[in-house]
Protein backbone atom coordinates (compact mmCIF):
# COMPACT_ATOMS: atom_id res chain seq x y z
CA MET A 1 -51.74 -84.78 35.40
CA SER A 2 -48.04 -85.36 36.13
CA HIS A 3 -46.32 -82.19 37.71
CA VAL A 4 -42.98 -81.18 35.74
CA SER A 5 -40.31 -79.25 37.57
CA GLU A 6 -39.67 -75.72 36.08
CA LYS A 7 -36.02 -76.28 35.60
CA PHE A 8 -37.11 -78.98 32.65
CA LYS A 9 -39.27 -76.51 31.06
CA LYS A 10 -38.42 -74.46 27.89
CA ASP A 11 -39.96 -71.29 26.35
CA TYR A 12 -40.38 -72.17 22.76
CA LYS A 13 -42.11 -69.28 22.03
CA ASN A 14 -39.28 -67.07 21.94
CA PHE A 15 -36.94 -69.85 20.83
CA ASP A 16 -34.44 -68.69 17.80
CA TYR A 17 -34.71 -71.28 15.01
CA ALA A 18 -32.18 -69.17 12.77
CA ASN A 19 -29.33 -71.11 11.12
CA PRO A 20 -26.13 -70.01 13.12
CA ARG A 21 -23.99 -70.35 9.93
CA LEU A 22 -26.23 -68.06 8.12
CA GLN A 23 -26.28 -65.42 10.97
CA LYS A 24 -22.48 -65.36 10.93
CA GLU A 25 -22.23 -64.80 7.25
CA GLN A 26 -24.65 -62.12 7.66
CA LYS A 27 -22.66 -60.32 10.55
CA GLN A 28 -19.38 -60.62 8.25
CA LYS A 29 -21.34 -59.10 5.33
CA SER A 30 -22.54 -56.31 7.67
CA LEU A 31 -19.01 -55.72 8.83
CA VAL A 32 -17.73 -55.46 5.15
CA ARG A 33 -20.23 -53.05 4.19
CA LYS A 34 -19.41 -50.99 7.35
CA ARG A 35 -15.67 -50.95 6.39
CA ILE A 36 -16.47 -50.05 2.60
CA ILE A 37 -18.64 -47.08 4.03
CA LEU A 38 -16.02 -45.98 6.30
CA ILE A 39 -13.11 -46.45 3.65
CA GLY A 40 -15.38 -44.67 0.98
CA GLY A 41 -16.39 -41.69 3.47
CA THR A 42 -12.76 -41.18 4.23
CA ILE A 43 -11.71 -41.14 0.58
CA VAL A 44 -14.61 -38.60 -0.20
CA THR A 45 -13.67 -36.45 2.83
CA PHE A 46 -10.08 -36.59 1.87
CA LEU A 47 -10.92 -35.46 -1.58
CA ILE A 48 -13.18 -32.65 -0.52
CA LEU A 49 -10.45 -31.35 2.04
CA TYR A 50 -7.79 -31.59 -0.68
CA ALA A 51 -9.88 -29.75 -3.20
CA LEU A 52 -10.83 -27.00 -0.54
CA PHE A 53 -7.45 -26.33 1.01
CA PHE A 54 -4.80 -27.63 -1.53
CA SER A 55 -6.03 -27.65 -5.02
CA PRO A 56 -4.77 -25.09 -7.44
CA ILE A 57 -8.32 -23.99 -8.30
CA PHE A 58 -8.50 -21.61 -5.29
CA PHE A 59 -4.85 -20.26 -5.22
CA ILE A 60 -4.65 -16.52 -6.59
CA SER A 61 -3.42 -16.32 -9.97
CA ASP A 62 -5.35 -13.24 -10.94
CA ILE A 63 -4.40 -10.02 -9.22
CA LYS A 64 -6.12 -6.53 -10.33
CA ILE A 65 -5.14 -3.26 -8.90
CA ASP A 66 -7.45 -0.24 -9.90
CA GLY A 67 -6.64 3.49 -9.26
CA LEU A 68 -3.02 3.19 -8.36
CA ARG A 69 -0.61 5.47 -10.15
CA GLU A 70 2.39 3.67 -11.73
CA ASP A 71 5.00 4.99 -9.28
CA ASN A 72 3.08 3.12 -6.35
CA ARG A 73 2.52 0.07 -7.99
CA GLU A 74 5.64 -1.90 -7.23
CA ALA A 75 5.41 -1.04 -3.58
CA VAL A 76 1.89 -2.40 -3.40
CA ASN A 77 2.88 -5.43 -5.42
CA ASN A 78 5.60 -6.31 -3.07
CA ILE A 79 3.22 -6.19 -0.19
CA ILE A 80 0.78 -8.54 -1.87
CA TYR A 81 3.41 -11.12 -3.03
CA ASN A 82 5.16 -11.08 0.43
CA ALA A 83 1.72 -12.00 2.17
CA LEU A 84 1.09 -14.68 -0.52
CA LYS A 85 4.29 -16.27 0.57
CA GLU A 86 3.31 -16.70 4.18
CA LYS A 87 1.67 -19.81 5.73
CA LYS A 88 -1.19 -20.02 8.23
CA LEU A 89 -0.45 -22.62 10.97
CA GLY A 90 2.65 -23.49 9.11
CA ILE A 91 0.56 -25.55 6.62
CA PHE A 92 -2.04 -23.77 4.73
CA SER A 93 -0.62 -21.19 2.05
CA LYS A 94 -2.00 -17.72 2.43
CA SER A 95 -2.00 -17.51 -1.42
CA HIS A 96 -5.17 -19.79 -0.87
CA LEU A 97 -8.25 -17.16 -1.24
CA LEU A 98 -9.86 -19.07 1.95
CA PHE A 99 -6.68 -18.06 4.09
CA LEU A 100 -5.89 -14.65 2.29
CA PRO A 101 -4.82 -11.95 4.98
CA VAL A 102 -7.11 -9.16 3.81
CA GLU A 103 -6.69 -6.96 6.76
CA GLN A 104 -3.08 -7.33 7.13
CA ILE A 105 -2.70 -6.38 3.31
CA LYS A 106 -4.86 -3.35 3.81
CA GLU A 107 -2.72 -2.28 7.05
CA ASN A 108 0.57 -2.99 5.30
CA ILE A 109 -0.75 -0.78 2.06
CA ARG A 110 -1.78 2.09 4.67
CA GLN A 111 1.66 2.04 6.18
CA ILE A 112 3.40 3.00 3.00
CA ILE A 113 0.75 5.09 1.26
CA LEU A 114 -2.07 7.41 2.65
CA LEU A 115 -5.13 7.00 0.80
CA ASP A 116 -8.56 8.11 0.56
CA GLU A 117 -10.44 4.88 -0.10
CA LEU A 118 -9.05 1.20 0.07
CA ASP A 119 -10.88 -1.81 -0.66
CA VAL A 120 -9.83 -5.66 -0.87
CA GLN A 121 -12.13 -8.00 -2.55
CA LYS A 122 -11.66 -12.02 -3.00
CA ASN A 123 -12.97 -12.98 -6.54
CA TRP A 124 -13.67 -16.68 -6.24
CA PRO A 125 -12.32 -19.13 -7.26
CA HIS A 126 -8.58 -17.44 -7.94
CA GLY A 127 -8.99 -13.73 -8.21
CA LEU A 128 -8.18 -10.52 -6.03
CA THR A 129 -8.94 -6.98 -6.76
CA ILE A 130 -7.44 -4.16 -4.79
CA SER A 131 -9.22 -0.78 -5.32
CA VAL A 132 -7.83 2.39 -4.08
CA LYS A 133 -8.43 6.28 -4.37
CA GLU A 134 -5.04 7.98 -3.95
CA LYS A 135 -4.73 11.35 -2.19
CA ASN A 136 -3.11 14.05 -4.70
CA GLY A 137 0.60 14.44 -4.43
CA ALA A 138 1.70 18.16 -4.80
CA LEU A 139 5.39 18.46 -3.75
CA ILE A 140 8.21 16.35 -2.43
CA TRP A 141 9.24 17.24 0.99
CA GLN A 142 12.61 16.29 2.67
CA ASN A 143 14.67 16.96 5.75
CA ASN A 144 17.90 15.68 7.28
CA ALA A 145 16.03 12.35 8.15
CA GLY A 146 13.61 11.42 5.40
CA CYS A 147 11.95 12.28 2.26
CA PHE A 148 8.08 12.10 1.58
CA LEU A 149 5.49 12.98 -1.17
CA ILE A 150 3.05 15.54 0.33
CA ASP A 151 -0.24 16.90 -0.59
CA LEU A 152 -1.11 20.82 -0.52
CA ALA A 153 -2.09 20.49 3.28
CA GLY A 154 1.62 19.29 4.22
CA THR A 155 0.63 15.94 5.19
CA ALA A 156 3.16 13.17 4.16
CA LEU A 157 1.42 10.67 1.61
CA ARG A 158 4.20 8.03 1.05
CA GLN A 159 8.17 7.87 1.22
CA CYS A 160 9.89 9.08 -2.03
CA GLN A 161 10.59 6.41 -4.74
CA GLY A 162 13.10 7.17 -7.26
CA GLN A 163 12.93 9.84 -9.89
CA ASN A 164 9.92 12.01 -9.99
CA ASN A 165 8.47 15.08 -11.54
CA TYR A 166 7.39 16.93 -8.54
CA LEU A 167 9.24 19.97 -7.19
CA THR A 168 11.22 19.11 -4.10
CA VAL A 169 11.29 21.30 -0.82
CA LYS A 170 14.05 20.74 1.42
CA LEU A 171 13.95 22.05 4.98
CA ILE A 172 17.81 22.56 6.01
CA ASN A 173 17.69 22.54 9.55
CA ASP A 174 14.93 19.87 10.26
CA ASN A 175 16.40 16.78 11.66
CA GLU A 176 13.17 15.22 12.89
CA PRO A 177 12.11 11.73 11.75
CA ARG A 178 8.48 11.84 10.48
CA VAL A 179 6.01 9.05 9.30
CA ILE A 180 3.22 8.74 6.90
CA GLY A 181 0.31 10.81 7.82
CA ASP A 182 2.37 13.28 9.64
CA LYS A 183 1.95 17.16 8.88
CA VAL A 184 5.53 17.90 7.76
CA ILE A 185 5.13 21.61 6.64
CA GLU A 186 2.73 24.23 7.20
CA THR A 187 0.02 24.86 4.45
CA ASN A 188 0.72 28.57 4.26
CA LEU A 189 4.26 27.92 3.47
CA ILE A 190 3.48 25.43 0.80
CA LEU A 191 1.14 27.79 -0.96
CA SER A 192 3.79 30.59 -0.64
CA ILE A 193 6.26 28.24 -2.41
CA VAL A 194 3.90 27.13 -5.15
CA GLU A 195 2.64 30.70 -5.83
CA LEU A 196 6.35 31.73 -6.29
CA CYS A 197 7.25 29.07 -8.42
CA GLU A 198 4.09 29.44 -10.69
CA ASN A 199 5.13 33.12 -11.06
CA LEU A 200 8.77 32.07 -11.94
CA LYS A 201 7.25 29.62 -14.66
CA ASN A 202 5.55 32.39 -16.32
CA ILE A 203 8.92 34.20 -16.35
CA PHE A 204 11.48 31.35 -17.13
CA GLY A 205 9.23 28.76 -18.61
CA GLN A 206 7.75 25.18 -17.66
CA GLY A 207 9.80 23.34 -15.18
CA SER A 208 12.27 26.02 -14.43
CA ALA A 209 12.19 25.74 -10.49
CA LYS A 210 13.61 22.26 -9.65
CA PHE A 211 14.52 22.34 -6.04
CA VAL A 212 13.62 24.42 -2.95
CA GLU A 213 15.60 24.84 0.21
CA LYS A 214 14.02 26.52 3.36
CA GLU A 215 16.39 27.88 5.88
CA ASN A 216 14.89 29.82 8.98
CA ASP A 217 12.89 32.60 7.27
CA TYR A 218 14.57 32.19 3.81
CA ILE A 219 13.75 29.97 0.92
CA TYR A 220 16.26 29.48 -1.98
CA ILE A 221 15.09 28.28 -5.36
CA PHE A 222 17.29 26.61 -7.74
CA LEU A 223 16.71 27.15 -11.52
CA GLU A 224 17.09 24.61 -14.40
CA ASN A 225 19.15 27.08 -16.27
CA GLY A 226 20.11 30.14 -13.91
CA PRO A 227 21.06 31.37 -10.93
CA GLN A 228 19.87 30.34 -7.30
CA LEU A 229 17.16 32.72 -6.38
CA ARG A 230 17.13 33.74 -2.68
CA PHE A 231 13.89 35.17 -1.05
CA ALA A 232 12.98 36.19 2.34
CA LEU A 233 9.39 34.53 3.41
CA ALA A 234 8.28 37.91 4.96
CA GLU A 235 8.11 39.86 1.57
CA SER A 236 4.96 39.32 -0.55
CA THR A 237 5.24 37.26 -3.68
CA SER A 238 4.39 40.11 -6.13
CA ARG A 239 6.85 42.21 -4.49
CA ALA A 240 9.63 39.74 -4.97
CA VAL A 241 8.85 38.75 -8.26
CA SER A 242 8.65 42.42 -9.32
CA ARG A 243 12.24 43.16 -7.94
CA LEU A 244 13.33 39.94 -9.69
CA MET A 245 12.06 41.03 -13.05
CA ALA A 246 14.07 44.27 -12.57
CA ILE A 247 17.18 42.31 -12.56
CA TYR A 248 16.23 39.92 -15.23
CA ASN A 249 15.32 42.72 -17.80
CA ASN A 250 18.68 44.52 -17.07
CA GLU A 251 20.80 44.28 -20.13
CA LYS A 252 23.75 44.01 -17.82
CA TYR A 253 22.56 40.65 -16.67
CA GLN A 254 20.43 39.16 -19.59
CA GLU A 255 23.57 37.79 -21.67
CA SER A 256 25.19 36.12 -18.55
CA TRP A 257 21.89 35.07 -16.65
CA SER A 258 22.66 31.48 -17.12
CA THR A 259 26.18 31.64 -15.74
CA LEU A 260 25.32 33.68 -12.69
CA HIS A 261 25.62 31.96 -9.19
CA SER A 262 22.79 33.74 -7.21
CA VAL A 263 20.32 36.52 -7.11
CA ASP A 264 19.94 37.43 -3.21
CA LEU A 265 16.52 39.39 -2.77
CA ARG A 266 16.47 38.90 1.22
CA PHE A 267 17.38 42.31 2.26
CA GLY A 268 14.81 44.88 1.46
CA GLU A 269 15.56 46.89 -1.38
CA LYS A 270 19.12 45.86 -1.91
CA ILE A 271 19.69 43.03 -4.43
CA TYR A 272 22.84 41.17 -4.66
CA VAL A 273 24.04 39.45 -7.76
CA LYS A 274 26.85 37.12 -7.88
């Protein structure tokens, strides 16, 4: 047998007999399919992202506030709506439930009202519920730097808001600024004022005492219809009321009671009527 050089030999075992034209067409079809899948995937991803981040379905449209007194609602509503106007990263609206700044809303509410309980819940797809338990206000406290609703312990619960039905107590010589949560007046002083005003209510009727001023060791009570009453804090309530009744029941002052300027009971047994 003649010897054949290796360079003239071919490996027909692994030889590709496929049609080059068909191979080209298959590659083109594969490329088209990949492009369709890529475009379709991009569109689907875009639609999902749009639905998740920009669709109005998840934007807050139902806000419910439970447990809040009417006179506090406007302030809390302003906090909520101001928070919803903001944007996260300058793009995403915080009115979207996903980006709602729950902790920020809680903190801002606590800065204007002292509460026993506060809870902010997202209600998918577009709801928000705020549940609170307020502390009970007792008096309006004022000094020369501010005004707060306070409880019987003397703690500032929130700043004054418009007209109210609370008895107002003003500290004439107090100029110190206070913030919510501060103890602005001693509990014993509050209880003394409340006890005295309750006695006055029994004498002159409901709502007779409208305004109280404290100056040093004295308190001045302004009546709805009647003179200013001046008391010394060192004197017991029962003793002060007993001496006031002696003047009120005196025929000399009964007819002119509503026109009197003041009844001053600060100086022991002496009573000064103007």
